[in-house]
Amino acid sequence: MIGDGLEWFCKVLRILLAVLVGALSIPVFMQVVARYTGLIPTYLWTEELATFIFVWIVMIGSMVAVWDGTHFDVRVIPDARRPILVLFQNGVVLLLILGFALMFAWYGIHYAEFGANQRSVMMRANKLVTHISVPIAGVVWSMFAGYRLFETIQIYRKSRSQTQ
């Protein structure tokens, strides 16, 4: 039930990611055309807009990667075969992700407050637009990593009950 809701949420994030990548192509295209052809004037706000969009692409992409289990996970030892070692191996990674996620969520609030007091140079946009992505990502990483940790424990319990 919760997993289905989180899976649906991740699908929404993937759609948003695709929309943002498409949106990023517009200011970048304008920059390229302006710099190399001279057909349109060079607009400095396009660089800021591209940066704002890119920040969100990175943060949303990292959220999706945590859900998919492809982020923050570098294996330096072979995958375990015994259920208890699999639980330990995956559990440590997920606990570390959860710890960092909670730090991003907690300290990201102060970072967002800092950004709320600033404006971008060319667009005069409030920088909270990008700074708020840090605590949001921390909260979403926490939800995803916490659920994956719960799943890992359930898999271990199931494998343990099957061997008895």
Protein backbone atom coordinates (compact mmCIF):
# COMPACT_ATOMS: atom_id res chain seq x y z
CA MET A 1 0.00 0.00 0.00
CA ILE A 2 2.67 2.52 1.05
CA GLY A 3 5.02 1.11 -1.57
CA ASP A 4 2.41 1.64 -4.27
CA GLY A 5 1.97 5.26 -3.21
CA LEU A 6 5.71 5.83 -3.22
CA GLU A 7 6.00 4.14 -6.63
CA TRP A 8 3.27 6.44 -7.97
CA PHE A 9 5.06 9.45 -6.45
CA CYS A 10 8.29 8.36 -8.13
CA LYS A 11 6.48 8.10 -11.48
CA VAL A 12 5.31 11.69 -11.01
CA LEU A 13 8.92 12.69 -10.26
CA ARG A 14 10.06 10.95 -13.47
CA ILE A 15 7.46 12.86 -15.50
CA LEU A 16 8.50 16.12 -13.84
CA LEU A 17 12.11 15.26 -14.62
CA ALA A 18 11.29 14.77 -18.30
CA VAL A 19 9.39 18.07 -18.41
CA LEU A 20 12.30 19.91 -16.78
CA VAL A 21 14.83 18.41 -19.20
CA GLY A 22 12.62 19.58 -22.07
CA ALA A 23 12.29 23.00 -20.47
CA LEU A 24 16.07 23.20 -20.00
CA SER A 25 16.58 22.83 -23.72
CA ILE A 26 14.83 26.15 -24.41
CA PRO A 27 17.17 28.56 -22.58
CA VAL A 28 20.22 26.51 -23.57
CA PHE A 29 19.12 26.60 -27.23
CA MET A 30 18.65 30.36 -26.95
CA GLN A 31 22.16 30.72 -25.51
CA VAL A 32 23.74 28.68 -28.29
CA VAL A 33 21.90 30.52 -31.06
CA ALA A 34 22.74 33.91 -29.53
CA ARG A 35 26.43 33.14 -29.06
CA TYR A 36 27.19 31.44 -32.37
CA THR A 37 24.84 33.01 -34.90
CA GLY A 38 23.96 36.47 -33.68
CA LEU A 39 20.36 35.95 -34.86
CA ILE A 40 19.00 36.88 -31.45
CA PRO A 41 20.50 39.08 -28.75
CA THR A 42 22.40 37.49 -25.89
CA TYR A 43 20.04 37.28 -22.94
CA LEU A 44 21.78 36.82 -19.61
CA TRP A 45 18.61 35.65 -17.88
CA THR A 46 18.69 32.44 -19.92
CA GLU A 47 21.83 31.33 -18.10
CA GLU A 48 20.19 31.89 -14.70
CA LEU A 49 17.04 30.08 -15.78
CA ALA A 50 19.09 27.16 -17.08
CA THR A 51 20.93 27.01 -13.74
CA PHE A 52 17.67 27.04 -11.76
CA ILE A 53 16.21 24.25 -13.89
CA PHE A 54 19.42 22.24 -13.74
CA VAL A 55 19.49 22.36 -9.93
CA TRP A 56 15.99 20.88 -9.83
CA ILE A 57 16.91 18.24 -12.42
CA VAL A 58 19.84 17.11 -10.27
CA MET A 59 17.80 17.00 -7.07
CA ILE A 60 14.79 15.23 -8.59
CA GLY A 61 17.12 12.83 -10.41
CA SER A 62 18.78 11.97 -7.11
CA MET A 63 15.36 11.32 -5.56
CA VAL A 64 14.50 8.89 -8.35
CA ALA A 65 17.92 7.27 -8.03
CA VAL A 66 17.41 6.66 -4.30
CA TRP A 67 14.08 4.98 -5.06
CA ASP A 68 15.66 2.86 -7.80
CA GLY A 69 18.62 1.96 -5.57
CA THR A 70 21.14 3.39 -8.00
CA HIS A 71 22.37 6.35 -5.98
CA PHE A 72 24.93 6.49 -3.15
CA ASP A 73 25.61 2.78 -3.47
CA VAL A 74 29.14 1.80 -4.41
CA ARG A 75 30.00 -1.84 -3.84
CA VAL A 76 33.60 -2.46 -2.79
CA ILE A 77 32.98 -6.04 -1.69
CA PRO A 78 31.12 -8.76 -3.60
CA ASP A 79 27.38 -9.05 -3.06
CA ALA A 80 26.54 -11.23 -0.09
CA ARG A 81 24.77 -14.56 -0.55
CA ARG A 82 23.58 -15.37 2.96
CA PRO A 83 20.38 -13.54 3.97
CA ILE A 84 21.85 -12.04 7.15
CA LEU A 85 24.82 -10.64 5.22
CA VAL A 86 22.53 -9.27 2.51
CA LEU A 87 20.51 -7.56 5.25
CA PHE A 88 23.69 -6.14 6.76
CA GLN A 89 25.15 -5.05 3.42
CA ASN A 90 21.99 -3.37 2.15
CA GLY A 91 20.97 -2.13 5.59
CA VAL A 92 24.22 -0.26 6.16
CA VAL A 93 23.91 1.50 2.80
CA LEU A 94 20.29 2.42 3.43
CA LEU A 95 21.01 3.62 6.97
CA LEU A 96 23.80 5.85 5.65
CA ILE A 97 21.51 7.25 2.97
CA LEU A 98 18.84 7.82 5.60
CA GLY A 99 21.31 9.60 7.86
CA PHE A 100 22.51 11.92 5.11
CA ALA A 101 18.93 12.48 3.98
CA LEU A 102 17.89 13.56 7.45
CA MET A 103 20.87 15.92 7.61
CA PHE A 104 19.90 17.43 4.25
CA ALA A 105 16.31 17.84 5.43
CA TRP A 106 17.28 19.43 8.75
CA TYR A 107 20.11 21.71 7.64
CA GLY A 108 18.43 22.34 4.31
CA ILE A 109 15.77 24.34 6.13
CA HIS A 110 18.40 26.87 7.19
CA TYR A 111 19.86 26.82 3.68
CA ALA A 112 16.42 27.55 2.23
CA GLU A 113 15.92 30.40 4.70
CA PHE A 114 19.27 31.80 3.57
CA GLY A 115 18.15 31.57 -0.07
CA ALA A 116 14.82 33.24 0.72
CA ASN A 117 16.71 36.41 1.57
CA GLN A 118 18.50 36.59 -1.78
CA ARG A 119 17.58 37.42 -5.34
CA SER A 120 19.23 36.33 -8.56
CA VAL A 121 21.18 38.98 -10.44
CA MET A 122 19.44 39.06 -13.82
CA MET A 123 15.93 37.68 -13.29
CA ARG A 124 15.58 39.09 -9.77
CA ALA A 125 13.99 35.77 -8.83
CA ASN A 126 13.97 34.75 -5.20
CA LYS A 127 16.68 32.13 -4.71
CA LEU A 128 14.35 30.14 -2.48
CA VAL A 129 13.24 28.62 -5.80
CA THR A 130 16.45 26.59 -5.91
CA HIS A 131 17.45 26.50 -2.25
CA ILE A 132 14.21 24.79 -1.21
CA SER A 133 15.21 21.80 -3.32
CA VAL A 134 17.71 20.72 -0.65
CA PRO A 135 15.29 20.09 2.24
CA ILE A 136 12.67 18.70 -0.13
CA ALA A 137 15.21 16.23 -1.48
CA GLY A 138 16.22 15.31 2.07
CA VAL A 139 12.62 14.53 3.01
CA VAL A 140 12.00 12.48 -0.13
CA TRP A 141 15.30 10.61 0.24
CA SER A 142 14.29 9.84 3.84
CA MET A 143 10.94 8.45 2.78
CA PHE A 144 12.43 6.37 -0.03
CA ALA A 145 15.41 5.06 1.95
CA GLY A 146 13.23 4.33 4.98
CA TYR A 147 10.81 2.31 2.87
CA ARG A 148 13.63 0.44 1.13
CA LEU A 149 15.11 -0.38 4.55
CA PHE A 150 11.72 -1.69 5.67
CA GLU A 151 11.55 -3.81 2.49
CA THR A 152 15.05 -5.17 3.11
CA ILE A 153 14.10 -6.22 6.64
CA GLN A 154 10.90 -7.86 5.35
CA ILE A 155 12.86 -9.80 2.73
CA TYR A 156 15.24 -11.01 5.43
CA ARG A 157 12.36 -12.07 7.67
CA LYS A 158 10.70 -13.94 4.82
CA SER A 159 13.93 -15.74 3.87
CA ARG A 160 14.54 -16.64 7.52
CA SER A 161 11.04 -18.08 7.93
CA GLN A 162 11.41 -20.15 4.76
CA THR A 163 14.62 -21.81 6.02
CA GLN A 164 13.05 -22.82 9.32
